[in-house]
C-alpha atoms as a PDB file:
ATOM      1  CA  UNK A   1     285.845 -95.692 150.324  1.00  0.00           C
ATOM      2  CA  UNK A   2     282.150 -94.722 150.007  1.00  0.00           C
ATOM      3  CA  UNK A   3     280.260 -93.739 146.868  1.00  0.00           C
ATOM      4  CA  UNK A   4     280.346 -90.022 147.688  1.00  0.00           C
ATOM      5  CA  UNK A   5     284.136 -90.088 147.899  1.00  0.00           C
ATOM      6  CA  UNK A   6     284.375 -91.987 144.606  1.00  0.00           C
ATOM      7  CA  UNK A   7     282.062 -89.440 142.960  1.00  0.00           C
ATOM      8  CA  UNK A   8     284.198 -86.614 144.347  1.00  0.00           C
ATOM      9  CA  UNK A   9     287.393 -88.184 142.970  1.00  0.00           C
ATOM     10  CA  UNK A  10     285.771 -88.734 139.561  1.00  0.00           C
ATOM     11  CA  UNK A  11     284.544 -85.137 139.524  1.00  0.00           C
ATOM     12  CA  UNK A  12     288.086 -83.942 140.256  1.00  0.00           C
ATOM     13  CA  UNK A  13     289.404 -86.270 137.551  1.00  0.00           C
ATOM     14  CA  UNK A  14     287.166 -84.623 134.948  1.00  0.00           C
ATOM     15  CA  UNK A  15     288.201 -81.108 135.997  1.00  0.00           C
ATOM     16  CA  UNK A  16     291.896 -81.989 135.956  1.00  0.00           C
ATOM     17  CA  UNK A  17     291.670 -83.847 132.636  1.00  0.00           C
ATOM     18  CA  UNK A  18     289.777 -81.084 130.779  1.00  0.00           C
ATOM     19  CA  UNK A  19     292.830 -78.941 129.815  1.00  0.00           C
ATOM     20  CA  UNK A  20     294.895 -82.061 129.059  1.00  0.00           C
ATOM     21  CA  UNK A  21     292.221 -83.336 126.650  1.00  0.00           C
ATOM     22  CA  UNK A  22     291.940 -79.935 124.953  1.00  0.00           C
ATOM     23  CA  UNK A  23     295.697 -79.841 124.353  1.00  0.00           C
ATOM     24  CA  UNK A  24     295.716 -83.480 123.229  1.00  0.00           C
ATOM     25  CA  UNK A  25     293.019 -82.778 120.613  1.00  0.00           C
ATOM     26  CA  UNK A  26     295.157 -80.033 119.104  1.00  0.00           C
ATOM     27  CA  UNK A  27     298.279 -82.175 119.262  1.00  0.00           C
ATOM     28  CA  UNK A  28     296.725 -85.239 117.657  1.00  0.00           C
ATOM     29  CA  UNK A  29     295.462 -83.159 114.719  1.00  0.00           C
ATOM     30  CA  UNK A  30     299.032 -81.991 114.158  1.00  0.00           C
ATOM     31  CA  UNK A  31     300.296 -85.561 114.485  1.00  0.00           C
ATOM     32  CA  UNK A  32     297.790 -86.767 111.895  1.00  0.00           C
ATOM     33  CA  UNK A  33     299.073 -84.096 109.492  1.00  0.00           C
ATOM     34  CA  UNK A  34     302.696 -85.067 110.024  1.00  0.00           C
ATOM     35  CA  UNK A  35     303.584 -82.190 112.364  1.00  0.00           C
ATOM     36  CA  UNK A  36     305.516 -83.228 115.469  1.00  0.00           C
ATOM     37  CA  UNK A  37     304.127 -80.648 117.868  1.00  0.00           C
ATOM     38  CA  UNK A  38     305.463 -80.547 121.416  1.00  0.00           C
ATOM     39  CA  UNK A  39     304.967 -76.780 121.621  1.00  0.00           C
ATOM     40  CA  UNK A  40     301.604 -77.187 123.364  1.00  0.00           C
ATOM     41  CA  UNK A  41     303.232 -76.239 126.658  1.00  0.00           C
ATOM     42  CA  UNK A  42     304.123 -72.812 125.272  1.00  0.00           C
ATOM     43  CA  UNK A  43     300.782 -72.355 123.492  1.00  0.00           C
ATOM     44  CA  UNK A  44     298.904 -73.086 126.732  1.00  0.00           C
ATOM     45  CA  UNK A  45     301.121 -70.818 128.806  1.00  0.00           C
ATOM     46  CA  UNK A  46     300.331 -67.940 126.443  1.00  0.00           C
ATOM     47  CA  UNK A  47     296.625 -68.767 126.786  1.00  0.00           C
ATOM     48  CA  UNK A  48     296.896 -68.862 130.577  1.00  0.00           C
ATOM     49  CA  UNK A  49     298.567 -65.441 130.689  1.00  0.00           C
ATOM     50  CA  UNK A  50     296.278 -63.645 128.259  1.00  0.00           C
ATOM     51  CA  UNK A  51     293.212 -65.290 129.794  1.00  0.00           C
ATOM     52  CA  UNK A  52     293.989 -63.607 133.126  1.00  0.00           C
ATOM     53  CA  UNK A  53     295.267 -60.427 131.432  1.00  0.00           C
ATOM     54  CA  UNK A  54     291.999 -59.871 129.580  1.00  0.00           C
ATOM     55  CA  UNK A  55     289.977 -60.686 132.686  1.00  0.00           C
ATOM     56  CA  UNK A  56     291.916 -57.958 134.509  1.00  0.00           C
ATOM     57  CA  UNK A  57     291.583 -55.461 131.648  1.00  0.00           C
ATOM     58  CA  UNK A  58     287.845 -56.137 131.192  1.00  0.00           C
ATOM     59  CA  UNK A  59     287.061 -55.759 134.879  1.00  0.00           C
ATOM     60  CA  UNK A  60     286.464 -59.429 135.626  1.00  0.00           C
ATOM     61  CA  UNK A  61     284.748 -60.676 132.448  1.00  0.00           C
ATOM     62  CA  UNK A  62     285.937 -64.283 132.133  1.00  0.00           C
ATOM     63  CA  UNK A  63     284.377 -64.708 128.688  1.00  0.00           C
ATOM     64  CA  UNK A  64     286.583 -61.889 127.359  1.00  0.00           C
ATOM     65  CA  UNK A  65     289.470 -63.701 129.010  1.00  0.00           C
ATOM     66  CA  UNK A  66     288.744 -66.933 127.147  1.00  0.00           C
ATOM     67  CA  UNK A  67     288.349 -65.059 123.862  1.00  0.00           C
ATOM     68  CA  UNK A  68     291.654 -63.246 124.341  1.00  0.00           C
ATOM     69  CA  UNK A  69     293.397 -66.492 125.274  1.00  0.00           C
ATOM     70  CA  UNK A  70     292.193 -68.252 122.114  1.00  0.00           C
ATOM     71  CA  UNK A  71     293.126 -65.311 119.873  1.00  0.00           C
ATOM     72  CA  UNK A  72     296.651 -65.051 121.279  1.00  0.00           C
ATOM     73  CA  UNK A  73     297.009 -68.837 121.307  1.00  0.00           C
ATOM     74  CA  UNK A  74     296.227 -68.728 117.594  1.00  0.00           C
ATOM     75  CA  UNK A  75     298.690 -65.882 116.944  1.00  0.00           C
ATOM     76  CA  UNK A  76     301.437 -67.605 118.907  1.00  0.00           C
ATOM     77  CA  UNK A  77     300.876 -70.900 117.085  1.00  0.00           C
ATOM     78  CA  UNK A  78     301.073 -69.028 113.770  1.00  0.00           C
ATOM     79  CA  UNK A  79     304.757 -68.333 114.537  1.00  0.00           C
ATOM     80  CA  UNK A  80     305.325 -72.066 114.937  1.00  0.00           C
ATOM     81  CA  UNK A  81     303.397 -72.761 111.712  1.00  0.00           C
ATOM     82  CA  UNK A  82     305.526 -70.208 109.853  1.00  0.00           C
ATOM     83  CA  UNK A  83     308.757 -71.863 110.961  1.00  0.00           C
ATOM     84  CA  UNK A  84     307.753 -75.457 110.184  1.00  0.00           C
ATOM     85  CA  UNK A  85     305.989 -74.760 106.869  1.00  0.00           C
ATOM     86  CA  UNK A  86     307.653 -71.725 105.315  1.00  0.00           C
ATOM     87  CA  UNK A  87     311.180 -72.110 106.696  1.00  0.00           C
ATOM     88  CA  UNK A  88     311.143 -75.935 107.002  1.00  0.00           C
ATOM     89  CA  UNK A  89     312.527 -75.816 110.537  1.00  0.00           C
ATOM     90  CA  UNK A  90     313.031 -78.993 112.515  1.00  0.00           C
ATOM     91  CA  UNK A  91     309.745 -79.611 114.343  1.00  0.00           C
ATOM     92  CA  UNK A  92     311.343 -80.613 117.638  1.00  0.00           C
ATOM     93  CA  UNK A  93     313.740 -77.656 117.757  1.00  0.00           C
ATOM     94  CA  UNK A  94     310.964 -75.249 116.745  1.00  0.00           C
ATOM     95  CA  UNK A  95     308.706 -76.703 119.456  1.00  0.00           C
ATOM     96  CA  UNK A  96     311.361 -76.298 122.142  1.00  0.00           C
ATOM     97  CA  UNK A  97     311.963 -72.733 120.970  1.00  0.00           C
ATOM     98  CA  UNK A  98     308.237 -71.932 121.220  1.00  0.00           C
ATOM     99  CA  UNK A  99     308.068 -73.365 124.739  1.00  0.00           C
ATOM    100  CA  UNK A 100     311.044 -71.268 125.822  1.00  0.00           C
ATOM    101  CA  UNK A 101     309.627 -68.189 124.102  1.00  0.00           C
ATOM    102  CA  UNK A 102     306.274 -68.700 125.826  1.00  0.00           C
ATOM    103  CA  UNK A 103     307.934 -68.933 129.233  1.00  0.00           C
ATOM    104  CA  UNK A 104     310.156 -65.898 128.671  1.00  0.00           C
ATOM    105  CA  UNK A 105     307.478 -63.776 127.017  1.00  0.00           C
ATOM    106  CA  UNK A 106     304.860 -64.308 129.723  1.00  0.00           C
ATOM    107  CA  UNK A 107     307.395 -63.519 132.467  1.00  0.00           C
ATOM    108  CA  UNK A 108     308.418 -60.321 130.646  1.00  0.00           C
ATOM    109  CA  UNK A 109     304.826 -59.207 129.967  1.00  0.00           C
ATOM    110  CA  UNK A 110     303.906 -59.833 133.585  1.00  0.00           C
ATOM    111  CA  UNK A 111     306.412 -57.176 134.602  1.00  0.00           C
ATOM    112  CA  UNK A 112     306.011 -54.851 131.609  1.00  0.00           C
ATOM    113  CA  UNK A 113     302.192 -54.684 131.536  1.00  0.00           C
ATOM    114  CA  UNK A 114     301.185 -55.183 135.167  1.00  0.00           C
ATOM    115  CA  UNK A 115     304.357 -54.327 137.088  1.00  0.00           C
ATOM    116  CA  UNK A 116     304.186 -57.541 139.111  1.00  0.00           C
ATOM    117  CA  UNK A 117     306.552 -60.465 139.450  1.00  0.00           C
ATOM    118  CA  UNK A 118     305.781 -64.163 139.785  1.00  0.00           C
ATOM    119  CA  UNK A 119     302.011 -64.095 139.559  1.00  0.00           C
ATOM    120  CA  UNK A 120     298.985 -62.008 138.605  1.00  0.00           C
ATOM    121  CA  UNK A 121     295.646 -62.324 140.406  1.00  0.00           C
ATOM    122  CA  UNK A 122     292.830 -60.233 138.858  1.00  0.00           C
ATOM    123  CA  UNK A 123     291.158 -57.687 141.138  1.00  0.00           C
ATOM    124  CA  UNK A 124     287.809 -59.278 140.289  1.00  0.00           C
ATOM    125  CA  UNK A 125     286.929 -62.354 138.283  1.00  0.00           C
ATOM    126  CA  UNK A 126     283.405 -63.481 137.456  1.00  0.00           C
ATOM    127  CA  UNK A 127     283.842 -67.243 137.665  1.00  0.00           C
ATOM    128  CA  UNK A 128     282.103 -69.435 135.134  1.00  0.00           C
ATOM    129  CA  UNK A 129     278.932 -70.924 136.617  1.00  0.00           C
ATOM    130  CA  UNK A 130     278.865 -74.664 137.234  1.00  0.00           C
ATOM    131  CA  UNK A 131     276.188 -76.434 135.211  1.00  0.00           C
ATOM    132  CA  UNK A 132     273.990 -78.864 137.131  1.00  0.00           C
ATOM    133  CA  UNK A 133     272.392 -81.706 135.172  1.00  0.00           C
ATOM    134  CA  UNK A 134     269.086 -82.487 136.956  1.00  0.00           C
ATOM    135  CA  UNK A 135     268.743 -86.088 135.775  1.00  0.00           C
ATOM    136  CA  UNK A 136     272.055 -87.352 137.146  1.00  0.00           C
ATOM    137  CA  UNK A 137     273.007 -84.894 139.903  1.00  0.00           C
ATOM    138  CA  UNK A 138     271.746 -87.200 142.681  1.00  0.00           C
ATOM    139  CA  UNK A 139     272.903 -90.501 141.176  1.00  0.00           C
ATOM    140  CA  UNK A 140     276.111 -91.838 142.759  1.00  0.00           C
ATOM    141  CA  UNK A 141     279.099 -92.005 140.402  1.00  0.00           C
ATOM    142  CA  UNK A 142     277.159 -90.384 137.523  1.00  0.00           C
ATOM    143  CA  UNK A 143     276.820 -87.236 139.621  1.00  0.00           C
ATOM    144  CA  UNK A 144     280.490 -86.575 138.842  1.00  0.00           C
ATOM    145  CA  UNK A 145     279.391 -85.522 135.343  1.00  0.00           C
ATOM    146  CA  UNK A 146     277.173 -82.821 136.840  1.00  0.00           C
ATOM    147  CA  UNK A 147     278.352 -79.557 138.364  1.00  0.00           C
ATOM    148  CA  UNK A 148     281.185 -79.022 135.883  1.00  0.00           C
ATOM    149  CA  UNK A 149     282.234 -75.860 134.076  1.00  0.00           C
ATOM    150  CA  UNK A 150     280.797 -75.182 130.630  1.00  0.00           C
ATOM    151  CA  UNK A 151     284.325 -75.585 129.235  1.00  0.00           C
ATOM    152  CA  UNK A 152     284.283 -79.236 130.311  1.00  0.00           C
ATOM    153  CA  UNK A 153     281.078 -79.881 128.371  1.00  0.00           C
ATOM    154  CA  UNK A 154     282.461 -77.985 125.373  1.00  0.00           C
ATOM    155  CA  UNK A 155     285.512 -80.256 125.567  1.00  0.00           C
ATOM    156  CA  UNK A 156     283.313 -83.371 125.425  1.00  0.00           C
ATOM    157  CA  UNK A 157     281.545 -81.953 122.362  1.00  0.00           C
ATOM    158  CA  UNK A 158     284.899 -81.122 120.765  1.00  0.00           C
ATOM    159  CA  UNK A 159     286.088 -84.722 121.202  1.00  0.00           C
ATOM    160  CA  UNK A 160     283.067 -85.896 119.190  1.00  0.00           C
ATOM    161  CA  UNK A 161     283.472 -83.150 116.577  1.00  0.00           C
ATOM    162  CA  UNK A 162     287.180 -83.883 116.079  1.00  0.00           C
ATOM    163  CA  UNK A 163     286.364 -87.587 115.684  1.00  0.00           C
ATOM    164  CA  UNK A 164     283.717 -86.805 113.047  1.00  0.00           C
ATOM    165  CA  UNK A 165     285.988 -84.346 111.234  1.00  0.00           C
ATOM    166  CA  UNK A 166     288.941 -86.756 111.118  1.00  0.00           C
ATOM    167  CA  UNK A 167     287.137 -89.885 110.030  1.00  0.00           C
ATOM    168  CA  UNK A 168     283.910 -88.723 108.368  1.00  0.00           C
ATOM    169  CA  UNK A 169     284.795 -85.612 106.353  1.00  0.00           C
ATOM    170  CA  UNK A 170     286.897 -84.627 103.378  1.00  0.00           C
ATOM    171  CA  UNK A 171     288.939 -82.265 105.562  1.00  0.00           C
ATOM    172  CA  UNK A 172     289.857 -85.117 107.878  1.00  0.00           C
ATOM    173  CA  UNK A 173     290.830 -87.270 104.917  1.00  0.00           C
ATOM    174  CA  UNK A 174     293.118 -84.495 103.693  1.00  0.00           C
ATOM    175  CA  UNK A 175     294.732 -84.173 107.134  1.00  0.00           C
ATOM    176  CA  UNK A 176     295.398 -87.906 107.366  1.00  0.00           C
ATOM    177  CA  UNK A 177     296.605 -88.049 103.752  1.00  0.00           C
ATOM    178  CA  UNK A 178     299.216 -85.345 104.364  1.00  0.00           C
ATOM    179  CA  UNK A 179     300.463 -87.214 107.411  1.00  0.00           C
ATOM    180  CA  UNK A 180     300.655 -90.540 105.567  1.00  0.00           C
ATOM    181  CA  UNK A 181     302.338 -89.322 102.393  1.00  0.00           C
ATOM    182  CA  UNK A 182     302.925 -85.720 101.409  1.00  0.00           C
ATOM    183  CA  UNK A 183     303.730 -86.635  97.796  1.00  0.00           C
ATOM    184  CA  UNK A 184     300.590 -88.724  97.393  1.00  0.00           C
ATOM    185  CA  UNK A 185     298.494 -85.955  98.953  1.00  0.00           C
ATOM    186  CA  UNK A 186     299.993 -83.395  96.560  1.00  0.00           C
ATOM    187  CA  UNK A 187     299.223 -85.659  93.618  1.00  0.00           C
ATOM    188  CA  UNK A 188     295.612 -85.837  94.820  1.00  0.00           C
ATOM    189  CA  UNK A 189     295.365 -82.045  94.704  1.00  0.00           C
ATOM    190  CA  UNK A 190     295.827 -81.421  98.448  1.00  0.00           C
ATOM    191  CA  UNK A 191     298.067 -78.569  99.582  1.00  0.00           C
ATOM    192  CA  UNK A 192     300.142 -79.961 102.504  1.00  0.00           C
ATOM    193  CA  UNK A 193     301.269 -76.592 103.845  1.00  0.00           C
ATOM    194  CA  UNK A 194     297.688 -75.313 103.905  1.00  0.00           C
ATOM    195  CA  UNK A 195     296.608 -78.387 105.862  1.00  0.00           C
ATOM    196  CA  UNK A 196     299.502 -77.996 108.310  1.00  0.00           C
ATOM    197  CA  UNK A 197     298.682 -74.335 108.862  1.00  0.00           C
ATOM    198  CA  UNK A 198     295.099 -75.347 109.610  1.00  0.00           C
ATOM    199  CA  UNK A 199     295.916 -77.999 112.216  1.00  0.00           C
ATOM    200  CA  UNK A 200     298.604 -75.903 113.936  1.00  0.00           C
ATOM    201  CA  UNK A 201     296.256 -72.903 114.240  1.00  0.00           C
ATOM    202  CA  UNK A 202     293.493 -75.154 115.606  1.00  0.00           C
ATOM    203  CA  UNK A 203     296.018 -76.522 118.076  1.00  0.00           C
ATOM    204  CA  UNK A 204     296.882 -72.979 119.150  1.00  0.00           C
ATOM    205  CA  UNK A 205     293.225 -72.104 119.754  1.00  0.00           C
ATOM    206  CA  UNK A 206     292.569 -75.292 121.750  1.00  0.00           C
ATOM    207  CA  UNK A 207     295.740 -74.871 123.814  1.00  0.00           C
ATOM    208  CA  UNK A 208     294.866 -71.223 124.437  1.00  0.00           C
ATOM    209  CA  UNK A 209     291.465 -72.343 125.717  1.00  0.00           C
ATOM    210  CA  UNK A 210     293.136 -74.978 127.910  1.00  0.00           C
ATOM    211  CA  UNK A 211     295.527 -72.415 129.356  1.00  0.00           C
ATOM    212  CA  UNK A 212     292.719 -69.982 130.138  1.00  0.00           C
ATOM    213  CA  UNK A 213     290.822 -72.815 131.840  1.00  0.00           C
ATOM    214  CA  UNK A 214     293.814 -73.430 134.091  1.00  0.00           C
ATOM    215  CA  UNK A 215     294.297 -69.772 135.024  1.00  0.00           C
ATOM    216  CA  UNK A 216     290.680 -68.600 135.318  1.00  0.00           C
ATOM    217  CA  UNK A 217     288.707 -71.695 136.362  1.00  0.00           C
ATOM    218  CA  UNK A 218     291.086 -73.889 138.358  1.00  0.00           C
ATOM    219  CA  UNK A 219     293.313 -71.372 140.178  1.00  0.00           C
ATOM    220  CA  UNK A 220     291.936 -67.869 139.349  1.00  0.00           C
ATOM    221  CA  UNK A 221     295.384 -66.395 138.759  1.00  0.00           C
ATOM    222  CA  UNK A 222     298.396 -66.604 136.475  1.00  0.00           C
ATOM    223  CA  UNK A 223     301.776 -67.676 137.795  1.00  0.00           C
ATOM    224  CA  UNK A 224     305.007 -68.163 135.904  1.00  0.00           C
ATOM    225  CA  UNK A 225     305.295 -71.589 134.233  1.00  0.00           C
ATOM    226  CA  UNK A 226     301.910 -72.587 135.678  1.00  0.00           C
ATOM    227  CA  UNK A 227     301.177 -75.104 132.905  1.00  0.00           C
ATOM    228  CA  UNK A 228     303.831 -77.209 134.656  1.00  0.00           C
ATOM    229  CA  UNK A 229     304.317 -79.958 132.088  1.00  0.00           C
ATOM    230  CA  UNK A 230     300.669 -80.494 131.154  1.00  0.00           C
ATOM    231  CA  UNK A 231     301.549 -79.909 127.492  1.00  0.00           C
ATOM    232  CA  UNK A 232     303.936 -82.860 127.621  1.00  0.00           C
ATOM    233  CA  UNK A 233     301.291 -84.889 129.461  1.00  0.00           C
ATOM    234  CA  UNK A 234     298.903 -84.110 126.595  1.00  0.00           C
ATOM    235  CA  UNK A 235     301.538 -85.272 124.120  1.00  0.00           C
ATOM    236  CA  UNK A 236     301.838 -88.544 126.030  1.00  0.00           C
ATOM    237  CA  UNK A 237     298.032 -88.860 125.998  1.00  0.00           C
ATOM    238  CA  UNK A 238     297.639 -88.657 122.235  1.00  0.00           C
ATOM    239  CA  UNK A 239     300.784 -90.709 121.589  1.00  0.00           C
ATOM    240  CA  UNK A 240     299.442 -93.426 123.895  1.00  0.00           C
ATOM    241  CA  UNK A 241     295.975 -93.023 122.334  1.00  0.00           C
ATOM    242  CA  UNK A 242     297.394 -93.479 118.822  1.00  0.00           C
ATOM    243  CA  UNK A 243     296.293 -89.944 117.827  1.00  0.00           C
ATOM    244  CA  UNK A 244     292.643 -91.038 118.105  1.00  0.00           C
ATOM    245  CA  UNK A 245     290.286 -88.491 119.730  1.00  0.00           C
ATOM    246  CA  UNK A 246     288.369 -91.011 121.843  1.00  0.00           C
ATOM    247  CA  UNK A 247     291.333 -93.073 123.026  1.00  0.00           C
ATOM    248  CA  UNK A 248     293.468 -89.996 123.647  1.00  0.00           C
ATOM    249  CA  UNK A 249     290.684 -88.501 125.778  1.00  0.00           C
ATOM    250  CA  UNK A 250     290.431 -91.690 127.823  1.00  0.00           C
ATOM    251  CA  UNK A 251     294.179 -91.557 128.437  1.00  0.00           C
ATOM    252  CA  UNK A 252     293.728 -87.925 129.490  1.00  0.00           C
ATOM    253  CA  UNK A 253     291.153 -89.110 132.035  1.00  0.00           C
ATOM    254  CA  UNK A 254     293.647 -91.710 133.232  1.00  0.00           C
ATOM    255  CA  UNK A 255     296.142 -88.940 133.999  1.00  0.00           C
ATOM    256  CA  UNK A 256     293.343 -86.960 135.614  1.00  0.00           C
ATOM    257  CA  UNK A 257     292.314 -89.713 138.011  1.00  0.00           C
ATOM    258  CA  UNK A 258     295.941 -90.399 138.955  1.00  0.00           C
ATOM    259  CA  UNK A 259     296.401 -86.754 139.943  1.00  0.00           C
ATOM    260  CA  UNK A 260     293.019 -86.650 141.716  1.00  0.00           C
ATOM    261  CA  UNK A 261     293.909 -89.721 143.805  1.00  0.00           C
ATOM    262  CA  UNK A 262     297.336 -88.242 144.504  1.00  0.00           C
ATOM    263  CA  UNK A 263     295.718 -85.061 145.856  1.00  0.00           C
ATOM    264  CA  UNK A 264     293.364 -87.146 148.027  1.00  0.00           C
ATOM    265  CA  UNK A 265     296.277 -89.112 149.463  1.00  0.00           C
ATOM    266  CA  UNK A 266     298.137 -85.890 150.217  1.00  0.00           C
ATOM    267  CA  UNK A 267     295.119 -84.328 151.949  1.00  0.00           C
ATOM    268  CA  UNK A 268     294.435 -87.494 153.941  1.00  0.00           C
ATOM    269  CA  UNK A 269     298.010 -87.563 155.222  1.00  0.00           C
ATOM    270  CA  UNK A 270     298.519 -91.176 154.193  1.00  0.00           C
ATOM    271  CA  UNK A 271     302.148 -92.339 154.412  1.00  0.00           C
ATOM    272  CA  UNK A 272     302.385 -92.863 150.661  1.00  0.00           C
ATOM    273  CA  UNK A 273     303.930 -90.384 148.271  1.00  0.00           C
ATOM    274  CA  UNK A 274     301.308 -88.959 145.835  1.00  0.00           C
ATOM    275  CA  UNK A 275     304.067 -88.970 143.217  1.00  0.00           C
ATOM    276  CA  UNK A 276     303.929 -92.767 143.157  1.00  0.00           C
ATOM    277  CA  UNK A 277     300.252 -92.681 142.155  1.00  0.00           C
ATOM    278  CA  UNK A 278     300.885 -89.953 139.558  1.00  0.00           C
ATOM    279  CA  UNK A 279     303.673 -92.083 138.102  1.00  0.00           C
ATOM    280  CA  UNK A 280     301.375 -94.991 137.143  1.00  0.00           C
ATOM    281  CA  UNK A 281     299.921 -93.497 133.906  1.00  0.00           C
ATOM    282  CA  UNK A 282     303.408 -92.616 132.653  1.00  0.00           C
ATOM    283  CA  UNK A 283     304.708 -96.087 133.440  1.00  0.00           C
ATOM    284  CA  UNK A 284     301.682 -97.573 131.676  1.00  0.00           C
ATOM    285  CA  UNK A 285     302.280 -95.296 128.686  1.00  0.00           C
ATOM    286  CA  UNK A 286     305.928 -96.405 128.447  1.00  0.00           C
ATOM    287  CA  UNK A 287     304.906-100.072 128.587  1.00  0.00           C
ATOM    288  CA  UNK A 288     302.181 -99.595 125.980  1.00  0.00           C
ATOM    289  CA  UNK A 289     304.447 -97.629 123.637  1.00  0.00           C
ATOM    290  CA  UNK A 290     307.174-100.277 123.999  1.00  0.00           C
ATOM    291  CA  UNK A 291     304.730-103.057 123.114  1.00  0.00           C
ATOM    292  CA  UNK A 292     303.365-100.990 120.206  1.00  0.00           C
ATOM    293  CA  UNK A 293     306.864-100.290 118.845  1.00  0.00           C
ATOM    294  CA  UNK A 294     307.841-103.953 119.152  1.00  0.00           C
ATOM    295  CA  UNK A 295     304.635-105.044 117.384  1.00  0.00           C
ATOM    296  CA  UNK A 296     305.222-102.558 114.546  1.00  0.00           C
ATOM    297  CA  UNK A 297     308.790-103.823 114.203  1.00  0.00           C
ATOM    298  CA  UNK A 298     307.514-107.389 113.874  1.00  0.00           C
ATOM    299  CA  UNK A 299     304.990-106.259 111.247  1.00  0.00           C
ATOM    300  CA  UNK A 300     307.681-104.478 109.234  1.00  0.00           C
ATOM    301  CA  UNK A 301     309.957-107.517 109.390  1.00  0.00           C
ATOM    302  CA  UNK A 302     307.067-109.743 108.319  1.00  0.00           C
ATOM    303  CA  UNK A 303     307.201-111.994 111.378  1.00  0.00           C
ATOM    304  CA  UNK A 304     303.548-111.458 112.318  1.00  0.00           C
ATOM    305  CA  UNK A 305     302.363-111.917 108.750  1.00  0.00           C
ATOM    306  CA  UNK A 306     304.347-115.148 108.415  1.00  0.00           C
ATOM    307  CA  UNK A 307     302.804-116.550 111.583  1.00  0.00           C
ATOM    308  CA  UNK A 308     299.302-115.814 110.323  1.00  0.00           C
ATOM    309  CA  UNK A 309     300.017-117.492 106.993  1.00  0.00           C
ATOM    310  CA  UNK A 310     301.424-120.490 108.859  1.00  0.00           C
ATOM    311  CA  UNK A 311     298.092-120.907 110.569  1.00  0.00           C
END
């Protein structure tokens, strides 16, 4: 495997991981605030549909598509926020309901608004330009960071901003406080429901952006259920990354490179199922989560603390 091939795989990894990281950022904010959000699949599917819908309506303007996707991602997530804050619905059941609603609603709107079934390809779409970074474009390996969509670079900036917000600002402290102890947060003058509304709406916007990236940048069309489990992959990413922006993003890249290698194997016609390669991150996540759960159990029981005192 030469350097050019490695650079190509890494470039594909970044493109594939971009929507997963965007969803994971929204999900980990919810997790930090004590909201168990697995509705990212539905949020992103809404974003994917309205991203293409607004591109079609605007005559090919992809920026209008992204704006529409984020707005409707926010509106759709507001329904979820209403159920889990106002009506105190079970987070898991509400999430499953939102995913099912997203799938059914996009399929219905596809027929009702555009009179098509299965998929919608815009008549024209002005693709986002790829940004070339002069300093690194000719350097092997590092060249994978060049020639990406502007959304990818926005995602990198968002990872840093979410990290700063969570751990360096008063807003982040409020989010973490609500997730740790709602009663203690209330005593400190924080309004838990307000915080939860905030993180869920942010999650909706980020998932809407991720969905629009899938439908307008990666495939240039919307098809039914096209998110295809990426919302659950994003959940695995931030669960494995301990709801930390940096670690969750690295896990997202791990999923990205597994899929990129799987695609390469499939194109090369190698007698190895790409599914085996794609399975590795999930197997690693299960192992890591098992170890983490076992370690936490030992901490709760005091076994680890006793060992340290014995030393």
